[in-house]
Amino acid sequence: MNNLGAVLAAYGLDFSHVVKATVHLHHPGRDLAGFNTVYETFVETPYPARTRWVRSWVTSSSRSTWSLPAER
């Protein structure tokens, strides 16, 4: 999330500009609770639309992949 925040900041944006979060989790049973905890520390209410996917192609070294479209 720090890296995503840095990308947003490079464009003069922050997490309040995110309109949708798409997250691909490798092991949702293991990672979902931690994902929710971290997500909620960066993104404030009202939360943007969110989609979570279980993907076998997400490598085990990276527990998730993200897409965060944002607008001003």
C-alpha atoms as a PDB file:
ATOM      1  CA  MET A   1       0.000   0.000   0.000  1.00  0.00           C
ATOM      2  CA  ASN A   2       2.923   2.342   0.607  1.00  0.00           C
ATOM      3  CA  ASN A   3       4.036   1.830  -2.998  1.00  0.00           C
ATOM      4  CA  LEU A   4       0.514   2.440  -4.288  1.00  0.00           C
ATOM      5  CA  GLY A   5       0.309   5.585  -2.185  1.00  0.00           C
ATOM      6  CA  ALA A   6       3.604   6.780  -3.682  1.00  0.00           C
ATOM      7  CA  VAL A   7       2.292   6.257  -7.220  1.00  0.00           C
ATOM      8  CA  LEU A   8      -0.872   8.189  -6.379  1.00  0.00           C
ATOM      9  CA  ALA A   9       1.190  10.978  -4.774  1.00  0.00           C
ATOM     10  CA  ALA A  10       3.354  11.257  -7.897  1.00  0.00           C
ATOM     11  CA  TYR A  11       0.197  12.360  -9.698  1.00  0.00           C
ATOM     12  CA  GLY A  12      -0.988  14.671  -6.928  1.00  0.00           C
ATOM     13  CA  LEU A  13      -3.534  12.138  -5.663  1.00  0.00           C
ATOM     14  CA  ASP A  14      -4.084  10.072  -2.522  1.00  0.00           C
ATOM     15  CA  PHE A  15      -6.287   7.168  -1.518  1.00  0.00           C
ATOM     16  CA  SER A  16      -9.320   9.456  -1.242  1.00  0.00           C
ATOM     17  CA  HIS A  17      -9.197   9.749  -5.045  1.00  0.00           C
ATOM     18  CA  VAL A  18      -9.476   5.979  -5.605  1.00  0.00           C
ATOM     19  CA  VAL A  19     -12.828   5.073  -7.173  1.00  0.00           C
ATOM     20  CA  LYS A  20     -12.430   1.287  -7.240  1.00  0.00           C
ATOM     21  CA  ALA A  21     -10.034  -1.269  -5.812  1.00  0.00           C
ATOM     22  CA  THR A  22      -9.536  -4.586  -7.569  1.00  0.00           C
ATOM     23  CA  VAL A  23      -7.423  -7.032  -5.588  1.00  0.00           C
ATOM     24  CA  HIS A  24      -6.281 -10.500  -6.617  1.00  0.00           C
ATOM     25  CA  LEU A  25      -5.426 -12.597  -3.546  1.00  0.00           C
ATOM     26  CA  HIS A  26      -3.298 -15.732  -3.782  1.00  0.00           C
ATOM     27  CA  HIS A  27      -4.472 -17.308  -0.496  1.00  0.00           C
ATOM     28  CA  PRO A  28      -7.658 -15.568   0.654  1.00  0.00           C
ATOM     29  CA  GLY A  29      -8.142 -17.931   3.593  1.00  0.00           C
ATOM     30  CA  ARG A  30      -4.759 -16.921   4.931  1.00  0.00           C
ATOM     31  CA  ASP A  31      -4.552 -13.332   3.714  1.00  0.00           C
ATOM     32  CA  LEU A  32      -8.070 -11.853   3.771  1.00  0.00           C
ATOM     33  CA  ALA A  33      -8.125 -10.722   7.397  1.00  0.00           C
ATOM     34  CA  GLY A  34      -4.710  -9.079   7.085  1.00  0.00           C
ATOM     35  CA  PHE A  35      -5.706  -7.531   3.769  1.00  0.00           C
ATOM     36  CA  ASN A  36      -8.798  -5.945   5.321  1.00  0.00           C
ATOM     37  CA  THR A  37      -6.807  -4.592   8.277  1.00  0.00           C
ATOM     38  CA  VAL A  38      -4.171  -2.978   6.083  1.00  0.00           C
ATOM     39  CA  TYR A  39      -6.705  -1.713   3.531  1.00  0.00           C
ATOM     40  CA  GLU A  40      -8.721   0.049   6.214  1.00  0.00           C
ATOM     41  CA  THR A  41      -5.630   1.881   7.524  1.00  0.00           C
ATOM     42  CA  PHE A  42      -5.041   3.490   4.123  1.00  0.00           C
ATOM     43  CA  VAL A  43      -8.546   3.944   2.691  1.00  0.00           C
ATOM     44  CA  GLU A  44     -11.156   5.929   4.600  1.00  0.00           C
ATOM     45  CA  THR A  45     -14.929   5.753   4.464  1.00  0.00           C
ATOM     46  CA  PRO A  46     -16.767   5.983   2.253  1.00  0.00           C
ATOM     47  CA  TYR A  47     -14.772   3.107   0.828  1.00  0.00           C
ATOM     48  CA  PRO A  48     -14.496   2.898  -2.953  1.00  0.00           C
ATOM     49  CA  ALA A  49     -16.091  -0.033  -4.750  1.00  0.00           C
ATOM     50  CA  ARG A  50     -13.975  -3.136  -4.157  1.00  0.00           C
ATOM     51  CA  THR A  51     -13.605  -6.449  -5.933  1.00  0.00           C
ATOM     52  CA  ARG A  52     -11.527  -9.318  -4.557  1.00  0.00           C
ATOM     53  CA  TRP A  53     -10.506 -12.247  -6.721  1.00  0.00           C
ATOM     54  CA  VAL A  54      -8.840 -15.541  -5.935  1.00  0.00           C
ATOM     55  CA  ARG A  55      -6.172 -16.110  -8.548  1.00  0.00           C
ATOM     56  CA  SER A  56      -3.816 -19.052  -8.832  1.00  0.00           C
ATOM     57  CA  TRP A  57      -1.491 -17.029 -11.080  1.00  0.00           C
ATOM     58  CA  VAL A  58      -0.586 -14.585  -8.321  1.00  0.00           C
ATOM     59  CA  THR A  59       2.887 -15.696  -7.298  1.00  0.00           C
ATOM     60  CA  SER A  60       3.409 -16.986  -3.796  1.00  0.00           C
ATOM     61  CA  SER A  61       6.113 -14.340  -3.221  1.00  0.00           C
ATOM     62  CA  SER A  62       3.534 -11.605  -3.806  1.00  0.00           C
ATOM     63  CA  ARG A  63       0.357 -12.348  -1.908  1.00  0.00           C
ATOM     64  CA  SER A  64      -1.725  -9.989  -4.033  1.00  0.00           C
ATOM     65  CA  THR A  65      -1.888  -7.799  -7.100  1.00  0.00           C
ATOM     66  CA  TRP A  66      -3.804  -4.537  -7.222  1.00  0.00           C
ATOM     67  CA  SER A  67      -5.563  -2.156  -9.571  1.00  0.00           C
ATOM     68  CA  LEU A  68      -6.636   1.225  -8.151  1.00  0.00           C
ATOM     69  CA  PRO A  69      -8.204   3.582 -10.702  1.00  0.00           C
ATOM     70  CA  ALA A  70      -8.387   7.108  -9.315  1.00  0.00           C
ATOM     71  CA  GLU A  71      -9.738  10.473 -10.426  1.00  0.00           C
ATOM     72  CA  ARG A  72      -9.425  14.074  -9.307  1.00  0.00           C
END
